[in-house]
Amino acid sequence: MRTVIAVLWLLIAASAPRAENEPAGQFDYYLLVLSWSPSWCRLEGDDRHAPECRQGAGLGFTLHGLWPQGESGWPSYCRTSERDPGRSQTAAMADIMGSAGLAWYQWKKHGRCSGLSAERYFALARQAYERINRPKLLRAIPHPVRIAPGVVEAAFLEANPQLSPDSVTVTCRGGLLQEVRICLDRSLQPRPCSASVARDCSAPAIALDPPR
Protein backbone atom coordinates (compact mmCIF):
# COMPACT_ATOMS: atom_id res chain seq x y z
CA MET A 1 0.00 0.00 0.00
CA ARG A 2 2.81 2.42 0.84
CA THR A 3 4.36 1.73 -2.56
CA VAL A 4 1.07 2.51 -4.33
CA ILE A 5 0.68 5.77 -2.38
CA ALA A 6 4.25 6.78 -3.18
CA VAL A 7 3.67 6.19 -6.90
CA LEU A 8 0.47 8.25 -6.80
CA TRP A 9 2.30 11.14 -5.18
CA LEU A 10 4.98 10.99 -7.87
CA LEU A 11 2.34 11.09 -10.61
CA ILE A 12 0.61 14.06 -9.00
CA ALA A 13 3.89 15.92 -8.58
CA ALA A 14 4.86 15.30 -12.20
CA SER A 15 1.62 16.80 -13.51
CA ALA A 16 1.37 19.74 -11.11
CA PRO A 17 2.50 23.28 -11.87
CA ARG A 18 5.69 24.47 -10.28
CA ALA A 19 5.48 26.46 -7.07
CA GLU A 20 4.89 30.19 -7.35
CA ASN A 21 7.49 32.85 -6.61
CA GLU A 22 10.34 31.03 -8.34
CA PRO A 23 13.41 32.84 -9.71
CA ALA A 24 12.83 34.31 -13.16
CA GLY A 25 14.32 32.75 -16.28
CA GLN A 26 14.13 29.09 -15.24
CA PHE A 27 12.03 27.41 -17.92
CA ASP A 28 12.40 25.19 -20.98
CA TYR A 29 10.27 26.71 -23.74
CA TYR A 30 7.41 29.08 -24.51
CA LEU A 31 3.73 28.33 -24.95
CA LEU A 32 1.99 30.77 -27.29
CA VAL A 33 -1.69 30.86 -26.33
CA LEU A 34 -4.23 32.20 -28.82
CA SER A 35 -7.75 32.74 -27.51
CA TRP A 36 -10.85 32.67 -29.74
CA SER A 37 -12.34 35.98 -28.64
CA PRO A 38 -16.03 35.22 -29.46
CA SER A 39 -15.95 32.20 -27.11
CA TRP A 40 -14.38 34.22 -24.28
CA CYS A 41 -17.01 36.89 -24.79
CA ARG A 42 -19.85 34.40 -24.54
CA LEU A 43 -18.40 32.68 -21.47
CA GLU A 44 -17.07 35.70 -19.55
CA GLY A 45 -16.64 38.94 -21.46
CA ASP A 46 -20.31 39.76 -22.04
CA ASP A 47 -21.03 39.62 -18.31
CA ARG A 48 -18.12 42.01 -17.73
CA HIS A 49 -19.28 44.35 -20.52
CA ALA A 50 -15.77 44.05 -21.96
CA PRO A 51 -15.12 46.57 -24.76
CA GLU A 52 -13.55 43.91 -26.96
CA CYS A 53 -16.90 42.06 -27.00
CA ARG A 54 -18.89 44.89 -28.57
CA GLN A 55 -20.43 44.37 -31.97
CA GLY A 56 -18.01 45.58 -34.61
CA ALA A 57 -14.90 44.76 -32.58
CA GLY A 58 -14.05 42.12 -35.18
CA LEU A 59 -11.69 40.13 -32.97
CA GLY A 60 -10.92 36.50 -33.78
CA PHE A 61 -7.78 34.89 -32.37
CA THR A 62 -6.24 37.23 -29.83
CA LEU A 63 -3.04 36.81 -27.84
CA HIS A 64 -3.87 35.34 -24.45
CA GLY A 65 -0.23 35.10 -23.50
CA LEU A 66 3.29 33.86 -24.07
CA TRP A 67 3.95 31.51 -21.17
CA PRO A 68 7.33 30.21 -20.00
CA GLN A 69 6.83 26.47 -19.78
CA GLY A 70 8.68 23.52 -18.27
CA GLU A 71 8.92 19.98 -19.52
CA SER A 72 6.72 19.17 -16.52
CA GLY A 73 4.75 22.01 -15.00
CA TRP A 74 5.33 25.71 -15.34
CA PRO A 75 6.50 28.68 -13.26
CA SER A 76 4.23 31.56 -12.28
CA TYR A 77 4.42 34.84 -10.34
CA CYS A 78 8.21 34.64 -10.38
CA ARG A 79 10.71 36.79 -8.53
CA THR A 80 12.40 39.26 -10.84
CA SER A 81 14.45 42.43 -10.55
CA GLU A 82 12.80 43.83 -13.68
CA ARG A 83 10.40 46.74 -13.29
CA ASP A 84 6.69 46.26 -13.93
CA PRO A 85 5.35 47.82 -17.13
CA GLY A 86 3.77 51.25 -17.18
CA ARG A 87 0.23 51.93 -18.36
CA SER A 88 1.39 52.97 -21.80
CA GLN A 89 3.20 49.64 -22.26
CA THR A 90 0.18 47.52 -21.34
CA ALA A 91 -2.17 49.75 -23.34
CA ALA A 92 0.05 49.25 -26.41
CA MET A 93 -0.72 45.51 -26.30
CA ALA A 94 -4.51 45.94 -26.37
CA ASP A 95 -4.65 45.73 -30.17
CA ILE A 96 -3.68 42.05 -30.11
CA MET A 97 -4.67 41.11 -26.55
CA GLY A 98 -8.01 42.86 -26.33
CA SER A 99 -7.28 44.91 -23.23
CA ALA A 100 -4.50 46.51 -21.23
CA GLY A 101 -5.79 44.66 -18.17
CA LEU A 102 -5.02 41.29 -19.71
CA ALA A 103 -1.54 42.48 -20.70
CA TRP A 104 -0.84 43.52 -17.10
CA TYR A 105 -2.14 40.22 -15.69
CA GLN A 106 -0.10 38.18 -18.17
CA TRP A 107 3.05 40.09 -17.24
CA LYS A 108 2.40 39.60 -13.53
CA LYS A 109 1.73 35.85 -13.79
CA HIS A 110 3.91 34.78 -16.73
CA GLY A 111 6.03 37.62 -18.09
CA ARG A 112 8.06 38.03 -14.91
CA CYS A 113 9.10 34.38 -15.26
CA SER A 114 10.73 35.05 -18.63
CA GLY A 115 13.63 36.93 -17.02
CA LEU A 116 13.13 39.69 -19.59
CA SER A 117 12.23 43.31 -19.08
CA ALA A 118 8.58 44.16 -19.67
CA GLU A 119 9.51 45.94 -22.89
CA ARG A 120 11.42 42.94 -24.26
CA TYR A 121 8.78 40.46 -23.08
CA PHE A 122 5.92 42.28 -24.77
CA ALA A 123 7.99 42.72 -27.92
CA LEU A 124 8.73 38.98 -27.94
CA ALA A 125 5.06 38.13 -27.36
CA ARG A 126 4.03 40.36 -30.27
CA GLN A 127 6.70 38.80 -32.47
CA ALA A 128 5.49 35.29 -31.62
CA TYR A 129 1.88 36.27 -32.33
CA GLU A 130 2.71 37.86 -35.67
CA ARG A 131 4.74 34.84 -36.82
CA ILE A 132 1.66 32.63 -36.71
CA ASN A 133 -0.91 32.93 -39.48
CA ARG A 134 -4.41 32.82 -38.05
CA PRO A 135 -6.47 30.90 -40.63
CA LYS A 136 -8.61 33.27 -42.68
CA LEU A 137 -11.22 30.56 -43.15
CA LEU A 138 -11.99 30.48 -39.42
CA ARG A 139 -12.10 34.26 -39.13
CA ALA A 140 -14.46 34.54 -42.12
CA ILE A 141 -17.32 32.34 -40.89
CA PRO A 142 -20.60 34.31 -41.23
CA HIS A 143 -22.61 32.45 -38.60
CA PRO A 144 -22.10 29.98 -35.73
CA VAL A 145 -20.94 26.52 -36.82
CA ARG A 146 -20.08 23.22 -35.16
CA ILE A 147 -16.83 21.56 -36.19
CA ALA A 148 -14.43 18.93 -34.90
CA PRO A 149 -11.44 20.28 -32.91
CA GLY A 150 -9.20 18.53 -35.43
CA VAL A 151 -10.50 20.84 -38.16
CA VAL A 152 -9.16 23.85 -36.23
CA GLU A 153 -5.77 22.18 -35.82
CA ALA A 154 -5.69 21.21 -39.50
CA ALA A 155 -6.47 24.80 -40.49
CA PHE A 156 -3.52 26.06 -38.44
CA LEU A 157 -1.20 23.44 -39.87
CA GLU A 158 -2.22 24.35 -43.42
CA ALA A 159 -1.74 28.07 -42.78
CA ASN A 160 1.60 27.48 -41.01
CA PRO A 161 3.70 24.82 -42.80
CA GLN A 162 6.44 25.28 -40.19
CA LEU A 163 4.19 23.75 -37.53
CA SER A 164 3.71 20.04 -36.89
CA PRO A 165 0.81 18.26 -35.14
CA ASP A 166 2.87 17.69 -31.99
CA SER A 167 3.48 21.44 -31.60
CA VAL A 168 -0.22 22.45 -31.68
CA THR A 169 -2.95 21.82 -29.12
CA VAL A 170 -6.61 22.85 -29.38
CA THR A 171 -8.59 23.35 -26.17
CA CYS A 172 -12.30 23.77 -25.55
CA ARG A 173 -14.53 24.95 -22.73
CA GLY A 174 -18.28 24.72 -22.31
CA GLY A 175 -18.64 23.17 -25.74
CA LEU A 176 -16.88 26.12 -27.39
CA LEU A 177 -13.50 26.54 -29.05
CA GLN A 178 -11.35 28.06 -26.33
CA GLU A 179 -7.69 28.30 -27.37
CA VAL A 180 -5.04 27.19 -29.79
CA ARG A 181 -1.72 26.62 -28.02
CA ILE A 182 1.56 26.46 -29.91
CA CYS A 183 4.86 25.30 -28.43
CA LEU A 184 7.94 27.35 -29.32
CA ASP A 185 11.55 27.21 -28.21
CA ARG A 186 13.29 30.28 -26.81
CA SER A 187 14.08 31.50 -30.33
CA LEU A 188 10.37 31.14 -31.22
CA GLN A 189 10.89 28.11 -33.46
CA PRO A 190 8.19 25.41 -33.25
CA ARG A 191 8.98 22.41 -31.07
CA PRO A 192 7.01 19.43 -29.70
CA CYS A 193 4.79 20.16 -26.72
CA SER A 194 5.52 18.40 -23.44
CA ALA A 195 3.05 15.88 -22.06
CA SER A 196 1.61 18.42 -19.61
CA VAL A 197 0.55 20.63 -22.53
CA ALA A 198 -0.38 18.14 -25.26
CA ARG A 199 -3.96 17.61 -24.13
CA ASP A 200 -6.33 18.28 -27.02
CA CYS A 201 -10.04 18.89 -26.63
CA SER A 202 -11.74 15.48 -26.53
CA ALA A 203 -15.19 16.66 -27.64
CA PRO A 204 -16.32 15.26 -31.02
CA ALA A 205 -17.54 18.72 -32.05
CA ILE A 206 -17.31 22.27 -30.69
CA ALA A 207 -19.17 25.51 -31.41
CA LEU A 208 -17.41 28.30 -33.25
CA ASP A 209 -19.04 31.73 -33.09
CA PRO A 210 -18.03 34.29 -35.75
CA PRO A 211 -16.08 37.44 -34.85
CA ARG A 212 -18.37 40.26 -33.77
C-alpha atoms as a PDB file:
ATOM      1  CA  MET A   1       0.000   0.000   0.000  1.00  0.00           C
ATOM      2  CA  ARG A   2       2.811   2.416   0.840  1.00  0.00           C
ATOM      3  CA  THR A   3       4.362   1.730  -2.561  1.00  0.00           C
ATOM      4  CA  VAL A   4       1.065   2.512  -4.326  1.00  0.00           C
ATOM      5  CA  ILE A   5       0.679   5.767  -2.380  1.00  0.00           C
ATOM      6  CA  ALA A   6       4.248   6.780  -3.179  1.00  0.00           C
ATOM      7  CA  VAL A   7       3.669   6.186  -6.897  1.00  0.00           C
ATOM      8  CA  LEU A   8       0.465   8.253  -6.802  1.00  0.00           C
ATOM      9  CA  TRP A   9       2.303  11.145  -5.175  1.00  0.00           C
ATOM     10  CA  LEU A  10       4.982  10.985  -7.871  1.00  0.00           C
ATOM     11  CA  LEU A  11       2.344  11.090 -10.614  1.00  0.00           C
ATOM     12  CA  ILE A  12       0.615  14.059  -9.003  1.00  0.00           C
ATOM     13  CA  ALA A  13       3.894  15.922  -8.579  1.00  0.00           C
ATOM     14  CA  ALA A  14       4.857  15.295 -12.197  1.00  0.00           C
ATOM     15  CA  SER A  15       1.622  16.798 -13.515  1.00  0.00           C
ATOM     16  CA  ALA A  16       1.366  19.743 -11.114  1.00  0.00           C
ATOM     17  CA  PRO A  17       2.499  23.281 -11.871  1.00  0.00           C
ATOM     18  CA  ARG A  18       5.689  24.471 -10.277  1.00  0.00           C
ATOM     19  CA  ALA A  19       5.480  26.460  -7.070  1.00  0.00           C
ATOM     20  CA  GLU A  20       4.887  30.186  -7.351  1.00  0.00           C
ATOM     21  CA  ASN A  21       7.491  32.852  -6.614  1.00  0.00           C
ATOM     22  CA  GLU A  22      10.345  31.033  -8.336  1.00  0.00           C
ATOM     23  CA  PRO A  23      13.411  32.835  -9.710  1.00  0.00           C
ATOM     24  CA  ALA A  24      12.834  34.311 -13.165  1.00  0.00           C
ATOM     25  CA  GLY A  25      14.320  32.751 -16.280  1.00  0.00           C
ATOM     26  CA  GLN A  26      14.132  29.091 -15.238  1.00  0.00           C
ATOM     27  CA  PHE A  27      12.030  27.411 -17.921  1.00  0.00           C
ATOM     28  CA  ASP A  28      12.405  25.192 -20.985  1.00  0.00           C
ATOM     29  CA  TYR A  29      10.271  26.709 -23.741  1.00  0.00           C
ATOM     30  CA  TYR A  30       7.412  29.075 -24.509  1.00  0.00           C
ATOM     31  CA  LEU A  31       3.726  28.332 -24.947  1.00  0.00           C
ATOM     32  CA  LEU A  32       1.994  30.771 -27.292  1.00  0.00           C
ATOM     33  CA  VAL A  33      -1.688  30.861 -26.330  1.00  0.00           C
ATOM     34  CA  LEU A  34      -4.234  32.199 -28.821  1.00  0.00           C
ATOM     35  CA  SER A  35      -7.751  32.736 -27.507  1.00  0.00           C
ATOM     36  CA  TRP A  36     -10.847  32.672 -29.735  1.00  0.00           C
ATOM     37  CA  SER A  37     -12.343  35.983 -28.640  1.00  0.00           C
ATOM     38  CA  PRO A  38     -16.026  35.217 -29.456  1.00  0.00           C
ATOM     39  CA  SER A  39     -15.954  32.202 -27.109  1.00  0.00           C
ATOM     40  CA  TRP A  40     -14.379  34.216 -24.283  1.00  0.00           C
ATOM     41  CA  CYS A  41     -17.011  36.894 -24.788  1.00  0.00           C
ATOM     42  CA  ARG A  42     -19.845  34.399 -24.543  1.00  0.00           C
ATOM     43  CA  LEU A  43     -18.397  32.680 -21.468  1.00  0.00           C
ATOM     44  CA  GLU A  44     -17.066  35.702 -19.554  1.00  0.00           C
ATOM     45  CA  GLY A  45     -16.643  38.939 -21.461  1.00  0.00           C
ATOM     46  CA  ASP A  46     -20.312  39.762 -22.045  1.00  0.00           C
ATOM     47  CA  ASP A  47     -21.031  39.620 -18.309  1.00  0.00           C
ATOM     48  CA  ARG A  48     -18.115  42.013 -17.731  1.00  0.00           C
ATOM     49  CA  HIS A  49     -19.283  44.349 -20.516  1.00  0.00           C
ATOM     50  CA  ALA A  50     -15.773  44.053 -21.957  1.00  0.00           C
ATOM     51  CA  PRO A  51     -15.119  46.573 -24.761  1.00  0.00           C
ATOM     52  CA  GLU A  52     -13.550  43.906 -26.964  1.00  0.00           C
ATOM     53  CA  CYS A  53     -16.897  42.061 -26.999  1.00  0.00           C
ATOM     54  CA  ARG A  54     -18.888  44.890 -28.566  1.00  0.00           C
ATOM     55  CA  GLN A  55     -20.426  44.368 -31.975  1.00  0.00           C
ATOM     56  CA  GLY A  56     -18.009  45.576 -34.606  1.00  0.00           C
ATOM     57  CA  ALA A  57     -14.898  44.756 -32.582  1.00  0.00           C
ATOM     58  CA  GLY A  58     -14.053  42.119 -35.179  1.00  0.00           C
ATOM     59  CA  LEU A  59     -11.687  40.126 -32.969  1.00  0.00           C
ATOM     60  CA  GLY A  60     -10.920  36.502 -33.782  1.00  0.00           C
ATOM     61  CA  PHE A  61      -7.780  34.887 -32.374  1.00  0.00           C
ATOM     62  CA  THR A  62      -6.235  37.229 -29.829  1.00  0.00           C
ATOM     63  CA  LEU A  63      -3.040  36.809 -27.842  1.00  0.00           C
ATOM     64  CA  HIS A  64      -3.872  35.338 -24.454  1.00  0.00           C
ATOM     65  CA  GLY A  65      -0.234  35.100 -23.496  1.00  0.00           C
ATOM     66  CA  LEU A  66       3.294  33.859 -24.067  1.00  0.00           C
ATOM     67  CA  TRP A  67       3.948  31.508 -21.168  1.00  0.00           C
ATOM     68  CA  PRO A  68       7.330  30.210 -19.996  1.00  0.00           C
ATOM     69  CA  GLN A  69       6.830  26.474 -19.778  1.00  0.00           C
ATOM     70  CA  GLY A  70       8.685  23.523 -18.269  1.00  0.00           C
ATOM     71  CA  GLU A  71       8.922  19.980 -19.517  1.00  0.00           C
ATOM     72  CA  SER A  72       6.722  19.172 -16.520  1.00  0.00           C
ATOM     73  CA  GLY A  73       4.750  22.009 -14.999  1.00  0.00           C
ATOM     74  CA  TRP A  74       5.333  25.715 -15.339  1.00  0.00           C
ATOM     75  CA  PRO A  75       6.499  28.683 -13.264  1.00  0.00           C
ATOM     76  CA  SER A  76       4.234  31.563 -12.283  1.00  0.00           C
ATOM     77  CA  TYR A  77       4.425  34.845 -10.336  1.00  0.00           C
ATOM     78  CA  CYS A  78       8.212  34.639 -10.377  1.00  0.00           C
ATOM     79  CA  ARG A  79      10.711  36.788  -8.532  1.00  0.00           C
ATOM     80  CA  THR A  80      12.402  39.258 -10.844  1.00  0.00           C
ATOM     81  CA  SER A  81      14.446  42.427 -10.549  1.00  0.00           C
ATOM     82  CA  GLU A  82      12.797  43.834 -13.681  1.00  0.00           C
ATOM     83  CA  ARG A  83      10.398  46.738 -13.287  1.00  0.00           C
ATOM     84  CA  ASP A  84       6.693  46.258 -13.929  1.00  0.00           C
ATOM     85  CA  PRO A  85       5.346  47.824 -17.134  1.00  0.00           C
ATOM     86  CA  GLY A  86       3.766  51.254 -17.185  1.00  0.00           C
ATOM     87  CA  ARG A  87       0.229  51.934 -18.360  1.00  0.00           C
ATOM     88  CA  SER A  88       1.390  52.966 -21.804  1.00  0.00           C
ATOM     89  CA  GLN A  89       3.196  49.639 -22.261  1.00  0.00           C
ATOM     90  CA  THR A  90       0.179  47.519 -21.337  1.00  0.00           C
ATOM     91  CA  ALA A  91      -2.169  49.745 -23.345  1.00  0.00           C
ATOM     92  CA  ALA A  92       0.049  49.251 -26.406  1.00  0.00           C
ATOM     93  CA  MET A  93      -0.724  45.514 -26.298  1.00  0.00           C
ATOM     94  CA  ALA A  94      -4.508  45.942 -26.372  1.00  0.00           C
ATOM     95  CA  ASP A  95      -4.653  45.726 -30.170  1.00  0.00           C
ATOM     96  CA  ILE A  96      -3.680  42.047 -30.111  1.00  0.00           C
ATOM     97  CA  MET A  97      -4.667  41.110 -26.547  1.00  0.00           C
ATOM     98  CA  GLY A  98      -8.009  42.858 -26.331  1.00  0.00           C
ATOM     99  CA  SER A  99      -7.278  44.910 -23.228  1.00  0.00           C
ATOM    100  CA  ALA A 100      -4.505  46.513 -21.225  1.00  0.00           C
ATOM    101  CA  GLY A 101      -5.790  44.662 -18.165  1.00  0.00           C
ATOM    102  CA  LEU A 102      -5.017  41.287 -19.707  1.00  0.00           C
ATOM    103  CA  ALA A 103      -1.539  42.479 -20.696  1.00  0.00           C
ATOM    104  CA  TRP A 104      -0.843  43.516 -17.100  1.00  0.00           C
ATOM    105  CA  TYR A 105      -2.136  40.220 -15.695  1.00  0.00           C
ATOM    106  CA  GLN A 106      -0.096  38.184 -18.168  1.00  0.00           C
ATOM    107  CA  TRP A 107       3.051  40.094 -17.243  1.00  0.00           C
ATOM    108  CA  LYS A 108       2.401  39.597 -13.533  1.00  0.00           C
ATOM    109  CA  LYS A 109       1.732  35.854 -13.788  1.00  0.00           C
ATOM    110  CA  HIS A 110       3.910  34.781 -16.728  1.00  0.00           C
ATOM    111  CA  GLY A 111       6.029  37.617 -18.091  1.00  0.00           C
ATOM    112  CA  ARG A 112       8.057  38.033 -14.910  1.00  0.00           C
ATOM    113  CA  CYS A 113       9.102  34.383 -15.256  1.00  0.00           C
ATOM    114  CA  SER A 114      10.734  35.048 -18.631  1.00  0.00           C
ATOM    115  CA  GLY A 115      13.629  36.927 -17.015  1.00  0.00           C
ATOM    116  CA  LEU A 116      13.128  39.688 -19.595  1.00  0.00           C
ATOM    117  CA  SER A 117      12.232  43.313 -19.084  1.00  0.00           C
ATOM    118  CA  ALA A 118       8.581  44.160 -19.666  1.00  0.00           C
ATOM    119  CA  GLU A 119       9.510  45.939 -22.887  1.00  0.00           C
ATOM    120  CA  ARG A 120      11.416  42.936 -24.259  1.00  0.00           C
ATOM    121  CA  TYR A 121       8.783  40.457 -23.077  1.00  0.00           C
ATOM    122  CA  PHE A 122       5.916  42.282 -24.766  1.00  0.00           C
ATOM    123  CA  ALA A 123       7.989  42.720 -27.923  1.00  0.00           C
ATOM    124  CA  LEU A 124       8.729  38.975 -27.939  1.00  0.00           C
ATOM    125  CA  ALA A 125       5.062  38.129 -27.358  1.00  0.00           C
ATOM    126  CA  ARG A 126       4.029  40.356 -30.267  1.00  0.00           C
ATOM    127  CA  GLN A 127       6.697  38.799 -32.469  1.00  0.00           C
ATOM    128  CA  ALA A 128       5.491  35.287 -31.625  1.00  0.00           C
ATOM    129  CA  TYR A 129       1.875  36.267 -32.329  1.00  0.00           C
ATOM    130  CA  GLU A 130       2.712  37.856 -35.671  1.00  0.00           C
ATOM    131  CA  ARG A 131       4.742  34.845 -36.824  1.00  0.00           C
ATOM    132  CA  ILE A 132       1.659  32.634 -36.708  1.00  0.00           C
ATOM    133  CA  ASN A 133      -0.909  32.933 -39.482  1.00  0.00           C
ATOM    134  CA  ARG A 134      -4.412  32.824 -38.050  1.00  0.00           C
ATOM    135  CA  PRO A 135      -6.470  30.902 -40.626  1.00  0.00           C
ATOM    136  CA  LYS A 136      -8.608  33.273 -42.677  1.00  0.00           C
ATOM    137  CA  LEU A 137     -11.215  30.563 -43.153  1.00  0.00           C
ATOM    138  CA  LEU A 138     -11.986  30.481 -39.421  1.00  0.00           C
ATOM    139  CA  ARG A 139     -12.102  34.258 -39.132  1.00  0.00           C
ATOM    140  CA  ALA A 140     -14.457  34.545 -42.115  1.00  0.00           C
ATOM    141  CA  ILE A 141     -17.316  32.342 -40.894  1.00  0.00           C
ATOM    142  CA  PRO A 142     -20.597  34.313 -41.234  1.00  0.00           C
ATOM    143  CA  HIS A 143     -22.614  32.449 -38.598  1.00  0.00           C
ATOM    144  CA  PRO A 144     -22.101  29.979 -35.732  1.00  0.00           C
ATOM    145  CA  VAL A 145     -20.937  26.516 -36.816  1.00  0.00           C
ATOM    146  CA  ARG A 146     -20.076  23.223 -35.161  1.00  0.00           C
ATOM    147  CA  ILE A 147     -16.832  21.563 -36.189  1.00  0.00           C
ATOM    148  CA  ALA A 148     -14.433  18.935 -34.901  1.00  0.00           C
ATOM    149  CA  PRO A 149     -11.445  20.284 -32.910  1.00  0.00           C
ATOM    150  CA  GLY A 150      -9.205  18.533 -35.431  1.00  0.00           C
ATOM    151  CA  VAL A 151     -10.502  20.841 -38.161  1.00  0.00           C
ATOM    152  CA  VAL A 152      -9.165  23.847 -36.228  1.00  0.00           C
ATOM    153  CA  GLU A 153      -5.771  22.179 -35.824  1.00  0.00           C
ATOM    154  CA  ALA A 154      -5.694  21.212 -39.499  1.00  0.00           C
ATOM    155  CA  ALA A 155      -6.470  24.798 -40.494  1.00  0.00           C
ATOM    156  CA  PHE A 156      -3.522  26.064 -38.440  1.00  0.00           C
ATOM    157  CA  LEU A 157      -1.202  23.439 -39.872  1.00  0.00           C
ATOM    158  CA  GLU A 158      -2.216  24.346 -43.424  1.00  0.00           C
ATOM    159  CA  ALA A 159      -1.739  28.071 -42.777  1.00  0.00           C
ATOM    160  CA  ASN A 160       1.596  27.480 -41.013  1.00  0.00           C
ATOM    161  CA  PRO A 161       3.703  24.823 -42.796  1.00  0.00           C
ATOM    162  CA  GLN A 162       6.443  25.284 -40.188  1.00  0.00           C
ATOM    163  CA  LEU A 163       4.188  23.749 -37.534  1.00  0.00           C
ATOM    164  CA  SER A 164       3.707  20.036 -36.885  1.00  0.00           C
ATOM    165  CA  PRO A 165       0.806  18.264 -35.141  1.00  0.00           C
ATOM    166  CA  ASP A 166       2.870  17.686 -31.994  1.00  0.00           C
ATOM    167  CA  SER A 167       3.482  21.440 -31.601  1.00  0.00           C
ATOM    168  CA  VAL A 168      -0.216  22.451 -31.676  1.00  0.00           C
ATOM    169  CA  THR A 169      -2.947  21.824 -29.124  1.00  0.00           C
ATOM    170  CA  VAL A 170      -6.611  22.854 -29.384  1.00  0.00           C
ATOM    171  CA  THR A 171      -8.592  23.347 -26.169  1.00  0.00           C
ATOM    172  CA  CYS A 172     -12.303  23.767 -25.546  1.00  0.00           C
ATOM    173  CA  ARG A 173     -14.534  24.946 -22.728  1.00  0.00           C
ATOM    174  CA  GLY A 174     -18.280  24.724 -22.311  1.00  0.00           C
ATOM    175  CA  GLY A 175     -18.637  23.168 -25.740  1.00  0.00           C
ATOM    176  CA  LEU A 176     -16.881  26.115 -27.390  1.00  0.00           C
ATOM    177  CA  LEU A 177     -13.499  26.536 -29.054  1.00  0.00           C
ATOM    178  CA  GLN A 178     -11.350  28.063 -26.334  1.00  0.00           C
ATOM    179  CA  GLU A 179      -7.688  28.301 -27.370  1.00  0.00           C
ATOM    180  CA  VAL A 180      -5.038  27.186 -29.793  1.00  0.00           C
ATOM    181  CA  ARG A 181      -1.723  26.620 -28.020  1.00  0.00           C
ATOM    182  CA  ILE A 182       1.556  26.462 -29.909  1.00  0.00           C
ATOM    183  CA  CYS A 183       4.857  25.304 -28.429  1.00  0.00           C
ATOM    184  CA  LEU A 184       7.944  27.349 -29.319  1.00  0.00           C
ATOM    185  CA  ASP A 185      11.550  27.213 -28.212  1.00  0.00           C
ATOM    186  CA  ARG A 186      13.287  30.276 -26.806  1.00  0.00           C
ATOM    187  CA  SER A 187      14.079  31.502 -30.326  1.00  0.00           C
ATOM    188  CA  LEU A 188      10.365  31.139 -31.217  1.00  0.00           C
ATOM    189  CA  GLN A 189      10.893  28.112 -33.458  1.00  0.00           C
ATOM    190  CA  PRO A 190       8.192  25.407 -33.248  1.00  0.00           C
ATOM    191  CA  ARG A 191       8.977  22.410 -31.070  1.00  0.00           C
ATOM    192  CA  PRO A 192       7.012  19.431 -29.698  1.00  0.00           C
ATOM    193  CA  CYS A 193       4.789  20.160 -26.723  1.00  0.00           C
ATOM    194  CA  SER A 194       5.520  18.401 -23.444  1.00  0.00           C
ATOM    195  CA  ALA A 195       3.047  15.879 -22.059  1.00  0.00           C
ATOM    196  CA  SER A 196       1.608  18.424 -19.606  1.00  0.00           C
ATOM    197  CA  VAL A 197       0.551  20.635 -22.526  1.00  0.00           C
ATOM    198  CA  ALA A 198      -0.383  18.137 -25.263  1.00  0.00           C
ATOM    199  CA  ARG A 199      -3.964  17.612 -24.129  1.00  0.00           C
ATOM    200  CA  ASP A 200      -6.328  18.280 -27.017  1.00  0.00           C
ATOM    201  CA  CYS A 201     -10.036  18.887 -26.633  1.00  0.00           C
ATOM    202  CA  SER A 202     -11.737  15.481 -26.530  1.00  0.00           C
ATOM    203  CA  ALA A 203     -15.186  16.661 -27.642  1.00  0.00           C
ATOM    204  CA  PRO A 204     -16.319  15.263 -31.021  1.00  0.00           C
ATOM    205  CA  ALA A 205     -17.538  18.724 -32.054  1.00  0.00           C
ATOM    206  CA  ILE A 206     -17.307  22.270 -30.689  1.00  0.00           C
ATOM    207  CA  ALA A 207     -19.171  25.506 -31.409  1.00  0.00           C
ATOM    208  CA  LEU A 208     -17.410  28.302 -33.246  1.00  0.00           C
ATOM    209  CA  ASP A 209     -19.039  31.732 -33.086  1.00  0.00           C
ATOM    210  CA  PRO A 210     -18.031  34.289 -35.747  1.00  0.00           C
ATOM    211  CA  PRO A 211     -16.081  37.443 -34.849  1.00  0.00           C
ATOM    212  CA  ARG A 212     -18.370  40.262 -33.771  1.00  0.00           C
END
